[in-house]
Amino acid sequence: MPKPLFIALLLVLPIILAVATQSGWVLILTVALLLIANPIIRTIRKARYFRSEQFQDLKQEIASVVKEHNEVVNYVAEIRSEGAFELGASSTGQFAHLATFENTSAWNNRRDRNVAEYAPHVHNASLQIVRNASQDPIKYLMKYFGIKADQTTLMDVQRVANDIARLEEAVGNVRSREAAITAKIAPPAFIMEHYAGEFWNQIGAHLSPIQVPYPLYKFQYTSAGGNTSQELKVDLNTPTLEALSEILVEKIRWAKSAAGQRALMTARLRSYIKERDHFTCQQCGISTAEAPYLLLEIDHIMPVSRGGLSTPENLQTLCWRCNRSKGAKVIA
């Protein structure tokens, strides 16, 4: 039953019947019957919709889109399972688990609402450090989480940056596909509101719970008595990772190393290569013009591991399938 109609009946019909019969019990009974009838009617409408010829025709029509969608979802899961999204850790409180703390104060006004958090991604610091870190997060992230300016760290940063960038694009692609499928079928609003899971089961594409696992680092200040607490959060998303890469490259001056070359692969450069290649896979020739939700990636023609540089002439656009099959091979 459409919500506006249900609300109108719920408000008007009991009043009319109660006035006509002059009985309060009729009012109560009518409201109860309406509340019971609404989900029953909704279930009947749902069954009728899923059996309709229109839904079955549309379901067959988008079968190929659904197949592609599910393959990309699996690709996202593959990236997620293979990635390791760790860069550094804080040593504060690393042995806190070996002790047991208890506030034994007998005063009625004791305050311990804010309790310090001890974890590898949390640095417990003074209030001044928390505030300074808000002004220069990269500097303080490196200093207090043991992120050293050396080649090994730069390679780790680039590994995480590459996995995060691929996940961002792949997850965004999946969400666009899901939105396109929903728009194409254009289900009634009550279907998506109450039966979204069954809807996707019927279609054969399942909404993916996969999220981009941004490493989250915190600078945290908690007063001794627990009265106050302040916290600064730093997400290692693509802009943060690219800024960290640039600083590391400047500090270690290894711009021509493999790690340095990966550091040059910024979001801006990836976008430029896709535009230059007209959003077309340079191996199989498929483009976003014919496949609007095509997932494209940037590939080093001569792999970085074999001395390739992150220069436009050594970069090409590949669809995710061609890029995955190419690996570190050089294709003439």
C-alpha atoms as a PDB file:
ATOM      1  CA  MET A   1       0.000   0.000   0.000  1.00  0.00           C
ATOM      2  CA  PRO A   2       1.491   3.396  -0.922  1.00  0.00           C
ATOM      3  CA  LYS A   3       2.642   5.197   2.200  1.00  0.00           C
ATOM      4  CA  PRO A   4       0.563   8.402   1.636  1.00  0.00           C
ATOM      5  CA  LEU A   5      -2.594   6.321   1.127  1.00  0.00           C
ATOM      6  CA  PHE A   6      -1.836   4.192   4.196  1.00  0.00           C
ATOM      7  CA  ILE A   7      -1.279   7.242   6.389  1.00  0.00           C
ATOM      8  CA  ALA A   8      -4.487   8.840   5.094  1.00  0.00           C
ATOM      9  CA  LEU A   9      -6.507   5.685   5.824  1.00  0.00           C
ATOM     10  CA  LEU A  10      -4.888   5.295   9.228  1.00  0.00           C
ATOM     11  CA  LEU A  11      -5.934   8.827  10.161  1.00  0.00           C
ATOM     12  CA  VAL A  12      -9.305   9.205   8.448  1.00  0.00           C
ATOM     13  CA  LEU A  13     -10.976   5.775   8.293  1.00  0.00           C
ATOM     14  CA  PRO A  14     -10.939   5.023  12.062  1.00  0.00           C
ATOM     15  CA  ILE A  15     -12.388   8.450  12.801  1.00  0.00           C
ATOM     16  CA  ILE A  16     -15.190   8.046  10.253  1.00  0.00           C
ATOM     17  CA  LEU A  17     -16.112   4.576  11.553  1.00  0.00           C
ATOM     18  CA  ALA A  18     -15.875   5.650  15.184  1.00  0.00           C
ATOM     19  CA  VAL A  19     -18.180   8.618  14.561  1.00  0.00           C
ATOM     20  CA  ALA A  20     -20.608   6.487  12.555  1.00  0.00           C
ATOM     21  CA  THR A  21     -20.811   3.751  15.186  1.00  0.00           C
ATOM     22  CA  GLN A  22     -20.152   5.968  18.210  1.00  0.00           C
ATOM     23  CA  SER A  23     -17.880   3.266  19.599  1.00  0.00           C
ATOM     24  CA  GLY A  24     -14.302   3.604  20.819  1.00  0.00           C
ATOM     25  CA  TRP A  25     -13.721  -0.107  20.281  1.00  0.00           C
ATOM     26  CA  VAL A  26     -14.411   0.307  16.579  1.00  0.00           C
ATOM     27  CA  LEU A  27     -11.697   2.969  16.445  1.00  0.00           C
ATOM     28  CA  ILE A  28      -9.167   0.644  18.118  1.00  0.00           C
ATOM     29  CA  LEU A  29     -10.177  -2.345  15.980  1.00  0.00           C
ATOM     30  CA  THR A  30      -9.948  -0.367  12.737  1.00  0.00           C
ATOM     31  CA  VAL A  31      -6.464   0.924  13.547  1.00  0.00           C
ATOM     32  CA  ALA A  32      -5.323  -2.605  14.438  1.00  0.00           C
ATOM     33  CA  LEU A  33      -6.731  -4.046  11.207  1.00  0.00           C
ATOM     34  CA  LEU A  34      -5.004  -1.358   9.134  1.00  0.00           C
ATOM     35  CA  LEU A  35      -1.663  -2.017  10.820  1.00  0.00           C
ATOM     36  CA  ILE A  36      -2.037  -5.740  10.178  1.00  0.00           C
ATOM     37  CA  ALA A  37      -3.298  -5.341   6.621  1.00  0.00           C
ATOM     38  CA  ASN A  38      -0.497  -3.050   5.433  1.00  0.00           C
ATOM     39  CA  PRO A  39       2.377  -5.618   5.543  1.00  0.00           C
ATOM     40  CA  ILE A  40       0.077  -8.270   4.067  1.00  0.00           C
ATOM     41  CA  ILE A  41      -0.832  -6.035   1.147  1.00  0.00           C
ATOM     42  CA  ARG A  42       2.831  -5.082   0.716  1.00  0.00           C
ATOM     43  CA  THR A  43       3.829  -8.765   0.555  1.00  0.00           C
ATOM     44  CA  ILE A  44       1.170  -9.445  -2.083  1.00  0.00           C
ATOM     45  CA  ARG A  45       2.384  -6.475  -4.142  1.00  0.00           C
ATOM     46  CA  LYS A  46       5.977  -7.697  -3.839  1.00  0.00           C
ATOM     47  CA  ALA A  47       5.093 -11.193  -5.087  1.00  0.00           C
ATOM     48  CA  ARG A  48       3.092  -9.727  -7.974  1.00  0.00           C
ATOM     49  CA  TYR A  49       6.017  -7.475  -8.959  1.00  0.00           C
ATOM     50  CA  PHE A  50       8.590 -10.293  -8.977  1.00  0.00           C
ATOM     51  CA  ARG A  51       6.228 -12.484 -11.063  1.00  0.00           C
ATOM     52  CA  SER A  52       5.430  -9.752 -13.551  1.00  0.00           C
ATOM     53  CA  GLU A  53       6.386 -10.208 -17.202  1.00  0.00           C
ATOM     54  CA  GLN A  54       8.031  -6.785 -17.210  1.00  0.00           C
ATOM     55  CA  PHE A  55      10.394  -7.741 -14.373  1.00  0.00           C
ATOM     56  CA  GLN A  56      11.298 -11.073 -16.005  1.00  0.00           C
ATOM     57  CA  ASP A  57      12.048  -9.381 -19.340  1.00  0.00           C
ATOM     58  CA  LEU A  58      14.231  -6.764 -17.704  1.00  0.00           C
ATOM     59  CA  LYS A  59      15.994  -9.424 -15.656  1.00  0.00           C
ATOM     60  CA  GLN A  60      17.025 -11.256 -18.824  1.00  0.00           C
ATOM     61  CA  GLU A  61      17.973  -8.024 -20.559  1.00  0.00           C
ATOM     62  CA  ILE A  62      20.576  -7.061 -17.951  1.00  0.00           C
ATOM     63  CA  ALA A  63      22.030 -10.545 -17.444  1.00  0.00           C
ATOM     64  CA  SER A  64      25.284  -9.578 -19.178  1.00  0.00           C
ATOM     65  CA  VAL A  65      25.570  -6.407 -17.100  1.00  0.00           C
ATOM     66  CA  VAL A  66      25.066  -8.419 -13.931  1.00  0.00           C
ATOM     67  CA  LYS A  67      27.745 -10.927 -14.997  1.00  0.00           C
ATOM     68  CA  GLU A  68      30.252  -8.125 -15.532  1.00  0.00           C
ATOM     69  CA  HIS A  69      29.198  -6.514 -12.252  1.00  0.00           C
ATOM     70  CA  ASN A  70      29.811  -9.686 -10.247  1.00  0.00           C
ATOM     71  CA  GLU A  71      33.225 -10.185 -11.863  1.00  0.00           C
ATOM     72  CA  VAL A  72      34.273  -6.693 -10.795  1.00  0.00           C
ATOM     73  CA  VAL A  73      32.998  -7.351  -7.256  1.00  0.00           C
ATOM     74  CA  ASN A  74      35.209 -10.466  -7.138  1.00  0.00           C
ATOM     75  CA  TYR A  75      38.125  -8.400  -8.441  1.00  0.00           C
ATOM     76  CA  VAL A  76      37.621  -5.896  -5.612  1.00  0.00           C
ATOM     77  CA  ALA A  77      37.624  -8.745  -3.083  1.00  0.00           C
ATOM     78  CA  GLU A  78      40.811 -10.081  -4.644  1.00  0.00           C
ATOM     79  CA  ILE A  79      42.601  -6.724  -4.278  1.00  0.00           C
ATOM     80  CA  ARG A  80      41.308  -6.403  -0.721  1.00  0.00           C
ATOM     81  CA  SER A  81      42.483  -9.864   0.322  1.00  0.00           C
ATOM     82  CA  GLU A  82      45.955  -9.452  -1.174  1.00  0.00           C
ATOM     83  CA  GLY A  83      46.610  -5.973   0.196  1.00  0.00           C
ATOM     84  CA  ALA A  84      48.435  -5.189   3.437  1.00  0.00           C
ATOM     85  CA  PHE A  85      47.497  -1.718   4.591  1.00  0.00           C
ATOM     86  CA  GLU A  86      50.043  -1.064   7.327  1.00  0.00           C
ATOM     87  CA  LEU A  87      52.836   1.531   7.336  1.00  0.00           C
ATOM     88  CA  GLY A  88      53.905   2.268  10.906  1.00  0.00           C
ATOM     89  CA  ALA A  89      52.914   1.996  14.523  1.00  0.00           C
ATOM     90  CA  SER A  90      53.131   4.010  17.724  1.00  0.00           C
ATOM     91  CA  SER A  91      54.969   2.527  20.698  1.00  0.00           C
ATOM     92  CA  THR A  92      52.862   4.328  23.310  1.00  0.00           C
ATOM     93  CA  GLY A  93      50.974   1.873  25.449  1.00  0.00           C
ATOM     94  CA  GLN A  94      52.358  -1.179  23.651  1.00  0.00           C
ATOM     95  CA  PHE A  95      52.616  -3.042  26.980  1.00  0.00           C
ATOM     96  CA  ALA A  96      49.475  -1.580  28.563  1.00  0.00           C
ATOM     97  CA  HIS A  97      47.727  -4.933  28.239  1.00  0.00           C
ATOM     98  CA  LEU A  98      50.118  -6.368  30.837  1.00  0.00           C
ATOM     99  CA  ALA A  99      48.659  -4.214  33.619  1.00  0.00           C
ATOM    100  CA  THR A 100      45.201  -3.815  35.101  1.00  0.00           C
ATOM    101  CA  PHE A 101      44.018  -0.306  35.890  1.00  0.00           C
ATOM    102  CA  GLU A 102      41.186   0.541  38.246  1.00  0.00           C
ATOM    103  CA  ASN A 103      39.993   3.881  39.533  1.00  0.00           C
ATOM    104  CA  THR A 104      39.561   3.258  43.265  1.00  0.00           C
ATOM    105  CA  SER A 105      38.657   6.828  44.186  1.00  0.00           C
ATOM    106  CA  ALA A 106      35.948   7.056  46.838  1.00  0.00           C
ATOM    107  CA  TRP A 107      34.944  10.600  45.915  1.00  0.00           C
ATOM    108  CA  ASN A 108      31.471  11.052  44.458  1.00  0.00           C
ATOM    109  CA  ASN A 109      32.765  13.570  41.928  1.00  0.00           C
ATOM    110  CA  ARG A 110      35.336  11.267  40.334  1.00  0.00           C
ATOM    111  CA  ARG A 111      35.529  11.689  36.561  1.00  0.00           C
ATOM    112  CA  ASP A 112      36.999   9.090  34.278  1.00  0.00           C
ATOM    113  CA  ARG A 113      34.726   9.453  31.275  1.00  0.00           C
ATOM    114  CA  ASN A 114      37.617   9.742  28.800  1.00  0.00           C
ATOM    115  CA  VAL A 115      39.915   6.730  28.783  1.00  0.00           C
ATOM    116  CA  ALA A 116      43.096   6.592  26.723  1.00  0.00           C
ATOM    117  CA  GLU A 117      43.048   4.193  23.793  1.00  0.00           C
ATOM    118  CA  TYR A 118      46.082   1.956  23.317  1.00  0.00           C
ATOM    119  CA  ALA A 119      46.584   0.545  19.844  1.00  0.00           C
ATOM    120  CA  PRO A 120      49.343   0.473  17.182  1.00  0.00           C
ATOM    121  CA  HIS A 121      47.535   3.154  15.171  1.00  0.00           C
ATOM    122  CA  VAL A 122      47.006   5.436  18.191  1.00  0.00           C
ATOM    123  CA  HIS A 123      49.672   7.732  19.621  1.00  0.00           C
ATOM    124  CA  ASN A 124      48.898   9.048  23.085  1.00  0.00           C
ATOM    125  CA  ALA A 125      50.500  12.465  23.334  1.00  0.00           C
ATOM    126  CA  SER A 126      50.358  15.864  24.978  1.00  0.00           C
ATOM    127  CA  LEU A 127      47.726  18.351  23.961  1.00  0.00           C
ATOM    128  CA  GLN A 128      50.392  20.457  22.237  1.00  0.00           C
ATOM    129  CA  ILE A 129      51.503  17.557  20.032  1.00  0.00           C
ATOM    130  CA  VAL A 130      47.912  16.827  19.018  1.00  0.00           C
ATOM    131  CA  ARG A 131      47.436  20.454  18.016  1.00  0.00           C
ATOM    132  CA  ASN A 132      50.774  20.652  16.208  1.00  0.00           C
ATOM    133  CA  ALA A 133      49.945  17.469  14.313  1.00  0.00           C
ATOM    134  CA  SER A 134      46.767  19.093  13.040  1.00  0.00           C
ATOM    135  CA  GLN A 135      48.953  21.747  11.369  1.00  0.00           C
ATOM    136  CA  ASP A 136      51.520  19.344   9.880  1.00  0.00           C
ATOM    137  CA  PRO A 137      49.998  15.831   9.870  1.00  0.00           C
ATOM    138  CA  ILE A 138      52.560  14.223   7.516  1.00  0.00           C
ATOM    139  CA  LYS A 139      55.548  15.380   9.572  1.00  0.00           C
ATOM    140  CA  TYR A 140      54.049  14.163  12.851  1.00  0.00           C
ATOM    141  CA  LEU A 141      52.778  10.942  11.280  1.00  0.00           C
ATOM    142  CA  MET A 142      56.327  10.080  10.223  1.00  0.00           C
ATOM    143  CA  LYS A 143      57.836  11.134  13.544  1.00  0.00           C
ATOM    144  CA  TYR A 144      55.525   9.349  15.969  1.00  0.00           C
ATOM    145  CA  PHE A 145      54.559   6.264  13.973  1.00  0.00           C
ATOM    146  CA  GLY A 146      58.067   5.259  12.936  1.00  0.00           C
ATOM    147  CA  ILE A 147      57.671   5.988   9.219  1.00  0.00           C
ATOM    148  CA  LYS A 148      61.318   6.421   8.211  1.00  0.00           C
ATOM    149  CA  ALA A 149      62.615   8.270   5.169  1.00  0.00           C
ATOM    150  CA  ASP A 150      64.263   5.323   3.444  1.00  0.00           C
ATOM    151  CA  GLN A 151      63.754   3.270   0.322  1.00  0.00           C
ATOM    152  CA  THR A 152      62.001   0.398   2.102  1.00  0.00           C
ATOM    153  CA  THR A 153      59.416   2.766   3.576  1.00  0.00           C
ATOM    154  CA  LEU A 154      58.887   4.468   0.225  1.00  0.00           C
ATOM    155  CA  MET A 155      58.219   1.083  -1.356  1.00  0.00           C
ATOM    156  CA  ASP A 156      55.727   0.261   1.417  1.00  0.00           C
ATOM    157  CA  VAL A 157      53.974   3.593   0.935  1.00  0.00           C
ATOM    158  CA  GLN A 158      53.700   2.989  -2.782  1.00  0.00           C
ATOM    159  CA  ARG A 159      52.414  -0.536  -2.250  1.00  0.00           C
ATOM    160  CA  VAL A 160      49.643   0.770   0.010  1.00  0.00           C
ATOM    161  CA  ALA A 161      48.968   3.755  -2.287  1.00  0.00           C
ATOM    162  CA  ASN A 162      48.644   1.499  -5.324  1.00  0.00           C
ATOM    163  CA  ASP A 163      46.276  -0.913  -3.557  1.00  0.00           C
ATOM    164  CA  ILE A 164      44.181   1.944  -2.174  1.00  0.00           C
ATOM    165  CA  ALA A 165      43.947   3.678  -5.579  1.00  0.00           C
ATOM    166  CA  ARG A 166      42.906   0.438  -7.284  1.00  0.00           C
ATOM    167  CA  LEU A 167      40.327  -0.237  -4.589  1.00  0.00           C
ATOM    168  CA  GLU A 168      38.923   3.298  -4.790  1.00  0.00           C
ATOM    169  CA  GLU A 169      38.395   2.983  -8.532  1.00  0.00           C
ATOM    170  CA  ALA A 170      37.057  -0.565  -8.344  1.00  0.00           C
ATOM    171  CA  VAL A 171      34.643   0.135  -5.454  1.00  0.00           C
ATOM    172  CA  GLY A 172      33.455   3.312  -7.199  1.00  0.00           C
ATOM    173  CA  ASN A 173      32.931   1.287 -10.355  1.00  0.00           C
ATOM    174  CA  VAL A 174      30.889  -1.340  -8.503  1.00  0.00           C
ATOM    175  CA  ARG A 175      28.663   1.312  -6.939  1.00  0.00           C
ATOM    176  CA  SER A 176      28.095   2.951 -10.319  1.00  0.00           C
ATOM    177  CA  ARG A 177      27.112  -0.398 -11.805  1.00  0.00           C
ATOM    178  CA  GLU A 178      24.685  -1.104  -8.963  1.00  0.00           C
ATOM    179  CA  ALA A 179      23.103   2.327  -9.414  1.00  0.00           C
ATOM    180  CA  ALA A 180      22.814   1.717 -13.172  1.00  0.00           C
ATOM    181  CA  ILE A 181      21.174  -1.685 -12.651  1.00  0.00           C
ATOM    182  CA  THR A 182      18.701  -0.205 -10.168  1.00  0.00           C
ATOM    183  CA  ALA A 183      17.888   2.684 -12.524  1.00  0.00           C
ATOM    184  CA  LYS A 184      17.447   0.332 -15.469  1.00  0.00           C
ATOM    185  CA  ILE A 185      14.937  -1.853 -13.680  1.00  0.00           C
ATOM    186  CA  ALA A 186      13.383   1.103 -11.852  1.00  0.00           C
ATOM    187  CA  PRO A 187      11.746  -0.979  -9.110  1.00  0.00           C
ATOM    188  CA  PRO A 188       8.905   0.500  -7.075  1.00  0.00           C
ATOM    189  CA  ALA A 189      10.122   2.506  -4.090  1.00  0.00           C
ATOM    190  CA  PHE A 190       8.590   0.078  -1.582  1.00  0.00           C
ATOM    191  CA  ILE A 191      10.640  -2.784  -3.095  1.00  0.00           C
ATOM    192  CA  MET A 192      13.968  -1.030  -2.458  1.00  0.00           C
ATOM    193  CA  GLU A 193      12.792   0.178   0.954  1.00  0.00           C
ATOM    194  CA  HIS A 194      11.567  -3.154   2.311  1.00  0.00           C
ATOM    195  CA  TYR A 195      12.893  -5.890   0.027  1.00  0.00           C
ATOM    196  CA  ALA A 196      16.250  -4.657  -1.286  1.00  0.00           C
ATOM    197  CA  GLY A 197      18.014  -7.913  -0.381  1.00  0.00           C
ATOM    198  CA  GLU A 198      15.415 -10.054  -2.140  1.00  0.00           C
ATOM    199  CA  PHE A 199      15.480  -7.683  -5.107  1.00  0.00           C
ATOM    200  CA  TRP A 200      19.233  -8.194  -5.603  1.00  0.00           C
ATOM    201  CA  ASN A 201      18.843 -11.942  -5.097  1.00  0.00           C
ATOM    202  CA  GLN A 202      16.205 -12.028  -7.829  1.00  0.00           C
ATOM    203  CA  ILE A 203      18.438 -10.020 -10.179  1.00  0.00           C
ATOM    204  CA  GLY A 204      21.507 -12.113  -9.382  1.00  0.00           C
ATOM    205  CA  ALA A 205      23.739  -9.225  -8.302  1.00  0.00           C
ATOM    206  CA  HIS A 206      24.398  -8.678  -4.632  1.00  0.00           C
ATOM    207  CA  LEU A 207      25.212  -5.331  -3.052  1.00  0.00           C
ATOM    208  CA  SER A 208      28.834  -5.542  -2.020  1.00  0.00           C
ATOM    209  CA  PRO A 209      29.732  -4.688   1.578  1.00  0.00           C
ATOM    210  CA  ILE A 210      33.349  -4.095   0.528  1.00  0.00           C
ATOM    211  CA  GLN A 211      34.759  -0.758   1.637  1.00  0.00           C
ATOM    212  CA  VAL A 212      38.115   0.845   0.975  1.00  0.00           C
ATOM    213  CA  PRO A 213      40.143  -0.052   4.108  1.00  0.00           C
ATOM    214  CA  TYR A 214      41.823   3.289   4.688  1.00  0.00           C
ATOM    215  CA  PRO A 215      44.432   2.925   7.445  1.00  0.00           C
ATOM    216  CA  LEU A 216      43.361   5.315  10.212  1.00  0.00           C
ATOM    217  CA  TYR A 217      45.979   6.855  12.484  1.00  0.00           C
ATOM    218  CA  LYS A 218      45.150   8.898  15.590  1.00  0.00           C
ATOM    219  CA  PHE A 219      46.885  11.401  17.822  1.00  0.00           C
ATOM    220  CA  GLN A 220      45.073  11.353  21.127  1.00  0.00           C
ATOM    221  CA  TYR A 221      45.277  13.438  24.269  1.00  0.00           C
ATOM    222  CA  THR A 222      43.485  12.363  27.438  1.00  0.00           C
ATOM    223  CA  SER A 223      43.887  14.258  30.669  1.00  0.00           C
ATOM    224  CA  ALA A 224      45.136  12.398  33.749  1.00  0.00           C
ATOM    225  CA  GLY A 225      41.744  12.538  35.429  1.00  0.00           C
ATOM    226  CA  GLY A 226      39.861  11.678  32.259  1.00  0.00           C
ATOM    227  CA  ASN A 227      38.008  15.007  32.331  1.00  0.00           C
ATOM    228  CA  THR A 228      38.971  16.049  28.809  1.00  0.00           C
ATOM    229  CA  SER A 229      40.097  14.411  25.604  1.00  0.00           C
ATOM    230  CA  GLN A 230      41.099  15.612  22.145  1.00  0.00           C
ATOM    231  CA  GLU A 231      41.814  13.564  19.057  1.00  0.00           C
ATOM    232  CA  LEU A 232      43.267  14.096  15.591  1.00  0.00           C
ATOM    233  CA  LYS A 233      42.537  11.514  12.890  1.00  0.00           C
ATOM    234  CA  VAL A 234      44.607  11.002   9.747  1.00  0.00           C
ATOM    235  CA  ASP A 235      43.150   8.781   7.018  1.00  0.00           C
ATOM    236  CA  LEU A 236      45.759   7.311   4.699  1.00  0.00           C
ATOM    237  CA  ASN A 237      43.654   7.946   1.616  1.00  0.00           C
ATOM    238  CA  THR A 238      45.029   8.721  -1.839  1.00  0.00           C
ATOM    239  CA  PRO A 239      45.783  12.457  -1.259  1.00  0.00           C
ATOM    240  CA  THR A 240      47.547  11.693   2.058  1.00  0.00           C
ATOM    241  CA  LEU A 241      49.572   8.834   0.573  1.00  0.00           C
ATOM    242  CA  GLU A 242      50.626  10.942  -2.407  1.00  0.00           C
ATOM    243  CA  ALA A 243      51.723  13.771  -0.112  1.00  0.00           C
ATOM    244  CA  LEU A 244      53.679  11.276   2.007  1.00  0.00           C
ATOM    245  CA  SER A 245      55.306   9.849  -1.133  1.00  0.00           C
ATOM    246  CA  GLU A 246      56.375  13.282  -2.340  1.00  0.00           C
ATOM    247  CA  ILE A 247      57.980  14.106   1.015  1.00  0.00           C
ATOM    248  CA  LEU A 248      59.805  10.764   1.112  1.00  0.00           C
ATOM    249  CA  VAL A 249      61.114  11.206  -2.434  1.00  0.00           C
ATOM    250  CA  GLU A 250      62.401  14.679  -1.552  1.00  0.00           C
ATOM    251  CA  LYS A 251      64.088  13.404   1.605  1.00  0.00           C
ATOM    252  CA  ILE A 252      65.814  10.349   0.175  1.00  0.00           C
ATOM    253  CA  ARG A 253      66.368  11.720  -3.346  1.00  0.00           C
ATOM    254  CA  TRP A 254      65.767   8.401  -5.071  1.00  0.00           C
ATOM    255  CA  ALA A 255      63.375   9.649  -7.725  1.00  0.00           C
ATOM    256  CA  LYS A 256      64.835   7.213 -10.295  1.00  0.00           C
ATOM    257  CA  SER A 257      64.500   4.165  -8.072  1.00  0.00           C
ATOM    258  CA  ALA A 258      61.596   1.744  -8.524  1.00  0.00           C
ATOM    259  CA  ALA A 259      59.929   3.139  -5.403  1.00  0.00           C
ATOM    260  CA  GLY A 260      60.548   6.690  -6.580  1.00  0.00           C
ATOM    261  CA  GLN A 261      58.929   5.941  -9.943  1.00  0.00           C
ATOM    262  CA  ARG A 262      55.857   4.526  -8.256  1.00  0.00           C
ATOM    263  CA  ALA A 263      55.723   7.666  -6.114  1.00  0.00           C
ATOM    264  CA  LEU A 264      55.329   9.698  -9.296  1.00  0.00           C
ATOM    265  CA  MET A 265      52.133   7.823 -10.179  1.00  0.00           C
ATOM    266  CA  THR A 266      49.769  10.430  -8.806  1.00  0.00           C
ATOM    267  CA  ALA A 267      46.009  10.568  -9.282  1.00  0.00           C
ATOM    268  CA  ARG A 268      46.497  13.529 -11.624  1.00  0.00           C
ATOM    269  CA  LEU A 269      48.908  11.571 -13.838  1.00  0.00           C
ATOM    270  CA  ARG A 270      46.559   8.555 -13.958  1.00  0.00           C
ATOM    271  CA  SER A 271      43.685  10.798 -15.021  1.00  0.00           C
ATOM    272  CA  TYR A 272      45.851  12.420 -17.711  1.00  0.00           C
ATOM    273  CA  ILE A 273      46.851   9.037 -19.216  1.00  0.00           C
ATOM    274  CA  LYS A 274      43.222   7.888 -19.370  1.00  0.00           C
ATOM    275  CA  GLU A 275      42.190  11.088 -21.134  1.00  0.00           C
ATOM    276  CA  ARG A 276      45.143  10.869 -23.540  1.00  0.00           C
ATOM    277  CA  ASP A 277      44.171   7.288 -24.421  1.00  0.00           C
ATOM    278  CA  HIS A 278      40.517   8.334 -24.853  1.00  0.00           C
ATOM    279  CA  PHE A 279      39.455   6.024 -21.998  1.00  0.00           C
ATOM    280  CA  THR A 280      40.262   3.027 -24.208  1.00  0.00           C
ATOM    281  CA  CYS A 281      42.153  -0.154 -23.339  1.00  0.00           C
ATOM    282  CA  GLN A 282      45.305  -0.106 -25.440  1.00  0.00           C
ATOM    283  CA  GLN A 283      45.372  -3.909 -25.629  1.00  0.00           C
ATOM    284  CA  CYS A 284      41.844  -5.118 -26.369  1.00  0.00           C
ATOM    285  CA  GLY A 285      40.428  -1.836 -27.655  1.00  0.00           C
ATOM    286  CA  ILE A 286      37.327  -1.667 -25.454  1.00  0.00           C
ATOM    287  CA  SER A 287      36.418   1.842 -24.267  1.00  0.00           C
ATOM    288  CA  THR A 288      34.010   3.563 -21.908  1.00  0.00           C
ATOM    289  CA  ALA A 289      32.126   4.791 -24.975  1.00  0.00           C
ATOM    290  CA  GLU A 290      30.862   1.240 -25.597  1.00  0.00           C
ATOM    291  CA  ALA A 291      31.086   0.038 -21.985  1.00  0.00           C
ATOM    292  CA  PRO A 292      30.257   3.039 -19.753  1.00  0.00           C
ATOM    293  CA  TYR A 293      31.149   1.228 -16.530  1.00  0.00           C
ATOM    294  CA  LEU A 294      34.442  -0.195 -17.752  1.00  0.00           C
ATOM    295  CA  LEU A 295      37.118  -0.320 -15.041  1.00  0.00           C
ATOM    296  CA  LEU A 296      40.348   1.155 -16.425  1.00  0.00           C
ATOM    297  CA  GLU A 297      43.820   1.059 -14.848  1.00  0.00           C
ATOM    298  CA  ILE A 298      47.206   2.562 -15.697  1.00  0.00           C
ATOM    299  CA  ASP A 299      50.018   0.200 -16.666  1.00  0.00           C
ATOM    300  CA  HIS A 300      53.781   0.665 -17.081  1.00  0.00           C
ATOM    301  CA  ILE A 301      54.638  -0.626 -20.574  1.00  0.00           C
ATOM    302  CA  MET A 302      58.151  -1.374 -19.370  1.00  0.00           C
ATOM    303  CA  PRO A 303      57.533  -2.508 -15.777  1.00  0.00           C
ATOM    304  CA  VAL A 304      59.091  -0.477 -12.981  1.00  0.00           C
ATOM    305  CA  SER A 305      60.721  -3.657 -11.709  1.00  0.00           C
ATOM    306  CA  ARG A 306      62.644  -3.796 -14.998  1.00  0.00           C
ATOM    307  CA  GLY A 307      63.702  -0.162 -15.059  1.00  0.00           C
ATOM    308  CA  GLY A 308      60.561   1.417 -16.512  1.00  0.00           C
ATOM    309  CA  LEU A 309      59.839   5.053 -15.703  1.00  0.00           C
ATOM    310  CA  SER A 310      56.597   6.767 -14.718  1.00  0.00           C
ATOM    311  CA  THR A 311      56.633   8.977 -17.806  1.00  0.00           C
ATOM    312  CA  PRO A 312      53.673   9.431 -20.171  1.00  0.00           C
ATOM    313  CA  GLU A 313      55.441   7.595 -22.998  1.00  0.00           C
ATOM    314  CA  ASN A 314      55.889   4.525 -20.767  1.00  0.00           C
ATOM    315  CA  LEU A 315      52.318   4.530 -19.464  1.00  0.00           C
ATOM    316  CA  GLN A 316      49.202   3.144 -21.067  1.00  0.00           C
ATOM    317  CA  THR A 317      45.548   2.588 -20.228  1.00  0.00           C
ATOM    318  CA  LEU A 318      44.408  -1.014 -19.837  1.00  0.00           C
ATOM    319  CA  CYS A 319      41.115  -2.489 -18.750  1.00  0.00           C
ATOM    320  CA  TRP A 320      41.327  -4.411 -15.491  1.00  0.00           C
ATOM    321  CA  ARG A 321      41.226  -7.779 -17.246  1.00  0.00           C
ATOM    322  CA  CYS A 322      44.120  -7.001 -19.599  1.00  0.00           C
ATOM    323  CA  ASN A 323      46.144  -5.419 -16.804  1.00  0.00           C
ATOM    324  CA  ARG A 324      45.668  -8.425 -14.542  1.00  0.00           C
ATOM    325  CA  SER A 325      46.718 -10.854 -17.290  1.00  0.00           C
ATOM    326  CA  LYS A 326      49.733  -8.731 -18.322  1.00  0.00           C
ATOM    327  CA  GLY A 327      51.403  -8.585 -14.909  1.00  0.00           C
ATOM    328  CA  ALA A 328      55.105  -7.707 -15.233  1.00  0.00           C
ATOM    329  CA  LYS A 329      55.311  -8.853 -18.869  1.00  0.00           C
ATOM    330  CA  VAL A 330      56.401  -6.521 -21.676  1.00  0.00           C
ATOM    331  CA  ILE A 331      53.969  -6.667 -24.567  1.00  0.00           C
ATOM    332  CA  ALA A 332      55.265  -5.348 -27.878  1.00  0.00           C
END
